[in-house]
Amino acid sequence: MKNYEKESFLKSFSLFFLTLIFLNSIIFILYYQEQKKSLHVDIFNKIKLYNYTFKDKDLLLDIVPAKQISKLYALHVKQNEIFAYFDIPTSKINSLKIIYPYKLYKKNLDNLKYKNLILYLISSFVLLILSIVYSIYALKPLKNALNLLDEFLKDIIHDLNTPISSILLNLKILKKKNSIEAIKRIEYSVKSIGTLYNNLEVIIKDNPLHIEQIDIKSMVNEKVSYYAYLFPDIKFNLEIKSNTLKTSYDEISRIFDNLISNACKYNKPNGFVSIFVDDKMIVIEDSGVGIKNIHRVFDRFYKENARGIGLGLDIVQKLCKKLNYKISIESKADVGTKIKVTL
């Protein structure tokens, strides 16, 4: 367990457990007081019965002056004595004092305390176990989120490292000699970083739509040229039946970037990517490895292998909802994937 996980667990556990122990203590204090009252009632009933029968070997009888009595027919509990006063019908100057053995009372009271203490310790132990279980359960989503964040940051660092390394390497080449190819590689590396940045921006920001007539044919050709350079072993098949499309440039550009990128990254060696576009539909099909859990492909951070960061299709779905487009996926393992976006 990492330090921040330990700290979170200890704080949540302490707060939860101490709150429960506090409430448990109040309940047992009140419960003990009720039991103590019940014991007093039982003792007084026993004394009251003795007042009529005078048959109880445990009780003692005494006669006291009536003027010394504070209250008749009530139980009096003092430091070392427990008793009750009753009047004598034949006497107005004296009263009966019936005494209950204080040692017996103390023994009964100690028994009550002992039983309550045992119950309190058992209930506290149960609350301790429950606090641990609930704290672990409550922290599980946070732990999963932090693990996802760790993996996400590792993937981001990895995805940034490749184009940045390429830029640095090609800058060294440019220092030695003017190279058009080096400049081109730098340009594509910067585009890779820009694509990653744009994807992160889609997650963080919700920019307003700007609908316009765009040159969809030029956009697709430009993107295919870019990915054909990055994935030279993949064959691209294009069928573009609409030259223009009325939509949001930024959003449709992100959709194409993510779908074509996925089709290339998860393709087979010497595979193909087919792209069909008309004014009603976009279809991107590949000859890749396919998707095993197709019902999870739109979950953020979900991925079935080490490549990528698990954001592409989540972003595509978000953008399709924003544009009021419908997206569907067909996929078979080791056969390929077909994605349809209905405009």
Protein backbone atom coordinates (compact mmCIF):
# COMPACT_ATOMS: atom_id res chain seq x y z
CA MET A 1 0.00 0.00 0.00
CA LYS A 2 1.38 3.41 -1.00
CA ASN A 3 1.83 6.24 1.50
CA TYR A 4 -1.12 8.30 0.26
CA GLU A 5 -3.32 5.17 0.35
CA LYS A 6 -2.25 4.47 3.95
CA GLU A 7 -2.95 8.07 4.95
CA SER A 8 -6.38 8.06 3.28
CA PHE A 9 -7.25 4.71 4.85
CA LEU A 10 -6.16 5.77 8.36
CA LYS A 11 -8.03 9.07 8.19
CA SER A 12 -11.27 7.55 6.90
CA PHE A 13 -11.00 4.59 9.30
CA SER A 14 -10.27 6.81 12.32
CA LEU A 15 -13.14 9.17 11.57
CA PHE A 16 -15.58 6.34 10.93
CA PHE A 17 -14.50 4.18 13.89
CA LEU A 18 -14.32 7.01 16.44
CA THR A 19 -17.77 8.23 15.42
CA LEU A 20 -19.23 4.74 15.83
CA ILE A 21 -17.44 4.22 19.18
CA PHE A 22 -18.77 7.56 20.44
CA LEU A 23 -22.34 6.61 19.48
CA ASN A 24 -21.86 3.11 20.89
CA SER A 25 -20.64 4.56 24.19
CA ILE A 26 -23.67 6.85 24.49
CA ILE A 27 -26.01 3.92 23.77
CA PHE A 28 -24.38 1.74 26.42
CA ILE A 29 -24.35 4.53 29.03
CA LEU A 30 -28.07 5.07 28.47
CA TYR A 31 -28.68 1.31 28.49
CA TYR A 32 -26.78 0.93 31.75
CA GLN A 33 -28.75 3.74 33.36
CA GLU A 34 -32.01 2.03 32.35
CA GLN A 35 -30.82 -1.27 33.82
CA LYS A 36 -29.79 0.50 37.01
CA LYS A 37 -33.26 2.04 37.27
CA SER A 38 -34.81 -1.39 36.76
CA LEU A 39 -32.62 -2.78 39.55
CA HIS A 40 -33.77 0.01 41.87
CA VAL A 41 -37.40 -0.72 41.00
CA ASP A 42 -36.92 -4.42 41.77
CA ILE A 43 -35.25 -3.61 45.11
CA PHE A 44 -37.99 -1.16 46.07
CA ASN A 45 -40.72 -3.67 45.16
CA LYS A 46 -38.96 -6.23 47.34
CA ILE A 47 -38.78 -3.74 50.25
CA LYS A 48 -42.42 -2.74 49.75
CA LEU A 49 -43.50 -6.40 49.85
CA TYR A 50 -41.47 -6.89 53.02
CA ASN A 51 -43.35 -3.96 54.57
CA TYR A 52 -46.51 -6.11 54.40
CA THR A 53 -45.17 -9.61 55.04
CA PHE A 54 -41.97 -9.09 57.04
CA LYS A 55 -40.71 -12.27 55.42
CA ASP A 56 -37.27 -11.83 53.84
CA LYS A 57 -34.09 -12.92 55.54
CA ASP A 58 -31.94 -10.52 53.49
CA LEU A 59 -33.70 -7.34 54.62
CA LEU A 60 -33.23 -5.49 57.93
CA LEU A 61 -35.80 -3.51 59.88
CA ASP A 62 -35.28 -0.42 61.97
CA ILE A 63 -37.48 2.15 63.69
CA VAL A 64 -36.55 5.81 63.29
CA PRO A 65 -38.14 9.09 64.41
CA ALA A 66 -40.60 10.35 61.83
CA LYS A 67 -39.18 13.88 62.01
CA GLN A 68 -35.85 12.64 60.57
CA ILE A 69 -37.48 11.26 57.43
CA SER A 70 -37.18 13.23 54.21
CA LYS A 71 -39.48 11.13 52.00
CA LEU A 72 -41.73 8.14 52.56
CA TYR A 73 -42.36 5.30 50.07
CA ALA A 74 -39.24 6.03 48.03
CA LEU A 75 -35.93 4.28 47.61
CA HIS A 76 -32.93 6.04 49.10
CA VAL A 77 -29.47 5.17 47.78
CA LYS A 78 -26.60 6.57 49.80
CA GLN A 79 -22.87 5.90 49.93
CA ASN A 80 -23.02 2.64 51.88
CA GLU A 81 -26.72 2.15 52.41
CA ILE A 82 -29.90 1.51 50.42
CA PHE A 83 -33.32 1.67 52.15
CA ALA A 84 -36.89 2.98 52.14
CA TYR A 85 -39.13 4.62 54.77
CA PHE A 86 -42.71 3.57 55.52
CA ASP A 87 -45.17 4.94 58.08
CA ILE A 88 -46.43 2.95 61.10
CA PRO A 89 -50.23 3.06 61.25
CA THR A 90 -50.23 2.88 65.07
CA SER A 91 -47.56 5.52 65.56
CA LYS A 92 -47.23 9.11 64.42
CA ILE A 93 -43.81 9.80 65.90
CA ASN A 94 -41.94 6.84 64.41
CA SER A 95 -41.53 5.26 60.98
CA LEU A 96 -40.18 2.01 59.59
CA LYS A 97 -36.79 1.95 57.90
CA ILE A 98 -36.37 -1.16 55.75
CA ILE A 99 -32.76 -1.69 54.72
CA TYR A 100 -31.58 -3.66 51.73
CA PRO A 101 -28.09 -5.22 52.07
CA TYR A 102 -25.69 -2.82 50.39
CA LYS A 103 -23.21 -5.60 49.58
CA LEU A 104 -25.93 -7.47 47.69
CA TYR A 105 -26.88 -4.27 45.89
CA LYS A 106 -23.23 -3.61 45.04
CA LYS A 107 -22.85 -7.18 43.78
CA ASN A 108 -25.91 -6.84 41.50
CA LEU A 109 -24.66 -3.47 40.26
CA ASP A 110 -21.19 -4.90 39.55
CA ASN A 111 -22.77 -7.77 37.62
CA LEU A 112 -24.64 -5.24 35.51
CA LYS A 113 -21.42 -3.31 34.86
CA TYR A 114 -19.53 -6.48 33.96
CA LYS A 115 -22.22 -7.72 31.55
CA ASN A 116 -22.44 -4.29 29.91
CA LEU A 117 -18.66 -4.06 29.63
CA ILE A 118 -18.49 -7.45 27.90
CA LEU A 119 -21.27 -6.44 25.49
CA TYR A 120 -19.58 -3.08 24.92
CA LEU A 121 -16.23 -4.70 24.08
CA ILE A 122 -17.88 -7.23 21.74
CA SER A 123 -19.87 -4.52 19.95
CA SER A 124 -16.75 -2.31 19.74
CA PHE A 125 -14.80 -5.17 18.19
CA VAL A 126 -17.60 -5.69 15.64
CA LEU A 127 -17.56 -1.96 14.89
CA LEU A 128 -13.77 -2.12 14.49
CA ILE A 129 -14.11 -4.88 11.86
CA LEU A 130 -16.95 -3.04 10.13
CA SER A 131 -14.94 0.19 10.12
CA ILE A 132 -11.99 -1.56 8.48
CA VAL A 133 -14.23 -3.25 5.89
CA TYR A 134 -16.20 -0.08 5.08
CA SER A 135 -13.02 2.04 4.94
CA ILE A 136 -11.46 -0.38 2.46
CA TYR A 137 -14.73 -0.48 0.48
CA ALA A 138 -15.03 3.32 0.49
CA LEU A 139 -11.42 3.77 -0.64
CA LYS A 140 -11.64 1.16 -3.41
CA PRO A 141 -13.04 3.59 -6.05
CA LEU A 142 -10.41 6.17 -5.06
CA LYS A 143 -7.67 3.55 -5.26
CA ASN A 144 -8.90 2.44 -8.68
CA ALA A 145 -9.04 6.05 -9.85
CA LEU A 146 -5.52 6.72 -8.60
CA ASN A 147 -4.25 3.55 -10.27
CA LEU A 148 -5.89 4.65 -13.52
CA LEU A 149 -4.31 8.07 -13.11
CA ASP A 150 -0.88 6.48 -12.57
CA GLU A 151 -1.29 4.34 -15.68
CA PHE A 152 -2.60 7.34 -17.62
CA LEU A 153 0.39 9.48 -16.66
CA LYS A 154 2.78 6.66 -17.61
CA ASP A 155 1.06 6.33 -20.98
CA ILE A 156 1.10 10.08 -21.54
CA ILE A 157 4.81 10.21 -20.74
CA HIS A 158 5.43 7.30 -23.12
CA ASP A 159 3.35 8.86 -25.92
CA LEU A 160 5.10 12.19 -25.50
CA ASN A 161 8.55 10.63 -25.27
CA THR A 162 8.45 9.15 -28.79
CA PRO A 163 7.78 12.38 -30.75
CA ILE A 164 10.00 14.47 -28.47
CA SER A 165 12.89 12.02 -28.94
CA SER A 166 12.28 12.16 -32.67
CA ILE A 167 12.37 15.98 -32.62
CA LEU A 168 15.64 16.06 -30.67
CA LEU A 169 17.25 13.45 -32.92
CA ASN A 170 16.24 15.23 -36.11
CA LEU A 171 17.35 18.61 -34.77
CA LYS A 172 20.83 17.11 -34.38
CA ILE A 173 20.65 15.94 -38.00
CA LEU A 174 19.62 19.44 -39.09
CA LYS A 175 22.62 20.94 -37.28
CA LYS A 176 24.96 18.77 -39.32
CA LYS A 177 23.20 19.08 -42.67
CA ASN A 178 20.06 20.50 -44.15
CA SER A 179 17.64 17.57 -44.43
CA ILE A 180 14.11 17.87 -45.83
CA GLU A 181 13.32 14.44 -44.40
CA ALA A 182 14.42 15.53 -40.92
CA ILE A 183 12.21 18.61 -41.15
CA LYS A 184 9.30 16.41 -42.22
CA ARG A 185 9.84 14.05 -39.29
CA ILE A 186 9.96 17.00 -36.90
CA GLU A 187 6.73 18.31 -38.40
CA TYR A 188 4.96 14.97 -37.91
CA SER A 189 6.33 14.61 -34.38
CA VAL A 190 4.94 18.04 -33.50
CA LYS A 191 1.61 16.96 -35.04
CA SER A 192 1.64 13.86 -32.81
CA ILE A 193 2.10 16.05 -29.74
CA GLY A 194 -0.63 18.37 -31.03
CA THR A 195 -3.02 15.43 -31.48
CA LEU A 196 -2.36 14.27 -27.94
CA TYR A 197 -2.90 17.80 -26.63
CA ASN A 198 -6.16 18.15 -28.57
CA ASN A 199 -7.46 14.87 -27.16
CA LEU A 200 -6.70 16.02 -23.62
CA GLU A 201 -8.38 19.34 -24.35
CA VAL A 202 -11.57 17.55 -25.45
CA ILE A 203 -11.72 15.84 -22.04
CA ILE A 204 -11.04 18.98 -20.02
CA LYS A 205 -12.91 21.61 -22.04
CA ASP A 206 -16.32 21.71 -23.67
CA ASN A 207 -15.83 24.18 -26.48
CA PRO A 208 -18.92 25.47 -28.33
CA LEU A 209 -19.70 24.06 -31.77
CA HIS A 210 -18.91 26.11 -34.87
CA ILE A 211 -20.81 24.54 -37.77
CA GLU A 212 -19.48 25.34 -41.22
CA GLN A 213 -19.04 23.87 -44.67
CA ILE A 214 -15.68 22.12 -44.66
CA ASP A 215 -13.58 20.45 -47.34
CA ILE A 216 -13.89 16.90 -46.05
CA LYS A 217 -11.98 15.38 -48.97
CA SER A 218 -8.88 17.53 -48.32
CA MET A 219 -9.08 16.84 -44.59
CA VAL A 220 -9.21 13.05 -45.06
CA ASN A 221 -6.41 13.08 -47.65
CA GLU A 222 -4.22 15.16 -45.35
CA LYS A 223 -4.79 12.80 -42.42
CA VAL A 224 -4.20 9.69 -44.53
CA SER A 225 -0.95 11.22 -45.77
CA TYR A 226 0.13 11.82 -42.18
CA TYR A 227 -0.73 8.29 -40.95
CA ALA A 228 0.69 6.66 -44.09
CA TYR A 229 4.02 8.26 -43.21
CA LEU A 230 3.81 6.99 -39.60
CA PHE A 231 2.64 3.50 -40.65
CA PRO A 232 4.31 2.82 -44.03
CA ASP A 233 3.40 -0.90 -44.06
CA ILE A 234 -0.36 -0.21 -43.99
CA LYS A 235 -2.34 0.14 -47.21
CA PHE A 236 -5.05 2.84 -47.27
CA ASN A 237 -8.19 2.47 -49.41
CA LEU A 238 -10.20 5.67 -49.84
CA GLU A 239 -13.73 6.15 -51.17
CA ILE A 240 -14.79 9.76 -50.68
CA LYS A 241 -18.13 10.56 -52.32
CA SER A 242 -18.65 13.99 -50.76
CA ASN A 243 -16.19 16.81 -51.27
CA THR A 244 -17.73 18.98 -48.56
CA LEU A 245 -19.54 18.38 -45.30
CA LYS A 246 -21.46 20.75 -43.05
CA THR A 247 -20.16 20.12 -39.56
CA SER A 248 -17.70 21.39 -36.93
CA TYR A 249 -14.12 21.29 -38.21
CA ASP A 250 -12.43 20.69 -34.85
CA GLU A 251 -14.80 17.93 -33.75
CA ILE A 252 -14.81 15.99 -37.04
CA SER A 253 -11.02 16.36 -37.23
CA ARG A 254 -10.67 14.77 -33.75
CA ILE A 255 -13.03 11.94 -34.76
CA PHE A 256 -10.99 11.12 -37.88
CA ASP A 257 -7.69 11.37 -35.97
CA ASN A 258 -8.75 8.93 -33.27
CA LEU A 259 -10.46 6.42 -35.56
CA ILE A 260 -7.66 6.32 -38.15
CA SER A 261 -5.01 6.25 -35.42
CA ASN A 262 -6.67 3.25 -33.73
CA ALA A 263 -7.13 1.47 -37.07
CA CYS A 264 -3.38 1.85 -37.70
CA LYS A 265 -2.03 1.14 -34.20
CA TYR A 266 -4.02 -2.07 -33.74
CA ASN A 267 -3.61 -3.38 -37.27
CA LYS A 268 -1.66 -6.40 -38.45
CA PRO A 269 1.63 -6.17 -40.39
CA ASN A 270 0.92 -5.27 -44.03
CA GLY A 271 -2.74 -4.74 -43.17
CA PHE A 272 -5.22 -2.29 -44.64
CA VAL A 273 -7.42 0.61 -43.56
CA SER A 274 -10.49 1.43 -45.65
CA ILE A 275 -12.17 4.83 -45.33
CA PHE A 276 -15.59 5.60 -46.81
CA VAL A 277 -17.18 9.05 -46.59
CA ASP A 278 -20.41 10.46 -48.03
CA ASP A 279 -22.87 13.07 -46.81
CA LYS A 280 -24.64 10.58 -44.49
CA MET A 281 -21.99 8.24 -43.16
CA ILE A 282 -18.33 7.72 -42.29
CA VAL A 283 -17.05 4.14 -42.27
CA ILE A 284 -13.53 3.17 -41.18
CA GLU A 285 -12.60 -0.50 -41.46
CA ASP A 286 -9.32 -2.23 -40.67
CA SER A 287 -7.75 -5.68 -40.83
CA GLY A 288 -6.52 -5.47 -37.23
CA VAL A 289 -6.52 -7.67 -34.16
CA GLY A 290 -10.16 -6.94 -33.34
CA ILE A 291 -11.78 -6.06 -30.03
CA LYS A 292 -12.52 -8.68 -27.37
CA ASN A 293 -14.78 -6.72 -25.03
CA ILE A 294 -16.69 -4.58 -27.49
CA HIS A 295 -19.15 -3.44 -24.78
CA ARG A 296 -16.28 -1.68 -22.94
CA VAL A 297 -14.57 0.14 -25.81
CA PHE A 298 -16.20 3.47 -24.92
CA ASP A 299 -15.08 3.32 -21.26
CA ARG A 300 -12.48 5.94 -20.48
CA PHE A 301 -8.96 4.50 -20.00
CA TYR A 302 -10.06 1.04 -21.17
CA LYS A 303 -7.54 -0.69 -23.40
CA GLU A 304 -6.84 -4.30 -24.32
CA ASN A 305 -3.09 -4.02 -24.81
CA ALA A 306 -0.14 -1.87 -23.80
CA ARG A 307 -0.43 0.60 -26.69
CA GLY A 308 -2.36 3.83 -26.36
CA ILE A 309 -3.88 5.53 -23.33
CA GLY A 310 -7.49 4.35 -23.61
CA LEU A 311 -9.01 7.73 -24.49
CA GLY A 312 -9.60 7.54 -28.24
CA LEU A 313 -13.04 5.92 -28.48
CA ASP A 314 -14.28 7.65 -25.33
CA ILE A 315 -13.45 10.97 -27.01
CA VAL A 316 -15.03 9.86 -30.29
CA GLN A 317 -18.26 8.91 -28.50
CA LYS A 318 -18.30 12.24 -26.64
CA LEU A 319 -17.80 14.19 -29.88
CA CYS A 320 -20.46 12.14 -31.70
CA LYS A 321 -22.97 12.93 -28.96
CA LYS A 322 -22.02 16.60 -29.19
CA LEU A 323 -22.59 16.57 -32.97
CA ASN A 324 -25.72 14.39 -32.62
CA TYR A 325 -24.06 11.60 -34.62
CA LYS A 326 -24.62 7.89 -34.03
CA ILE A 327 -21.62 5.55 -33.74
CA SER A 328 -21.63 1.75 -34.00
CA ILE A 329 -18.86 -0.87 -33.92
CA GLU A 330 -18.52 -4.34 -35.42
CA SER A 331 -15.45 -6.36 -34.56
CA LYS A 332 -14.09 -9.91 -34.70
CA ALA A 333 -10.91 -11.16 -33.10
CA ASP A 334 -8.04 -11.48 -35.62
CA VAL A 335 -10.37 -10.35 -38.43
CA GLY A 336 -10.73 -6.62 -37.92
CA THR A 337 -12.98 -3.79 -36.83
CA LYS A 338 -15.55 -1.68 -38.67
CA ILE A 339 -16.75 1.61 -37.18
CA LYS A 340 -19.74 3.48 -38.62
CA VAL A 341 -20.56 7.08 -37.80
CA THR A 342 -24.02 8.07 -39.03
CA LEU A 343 -24.16 11.82 -39.65
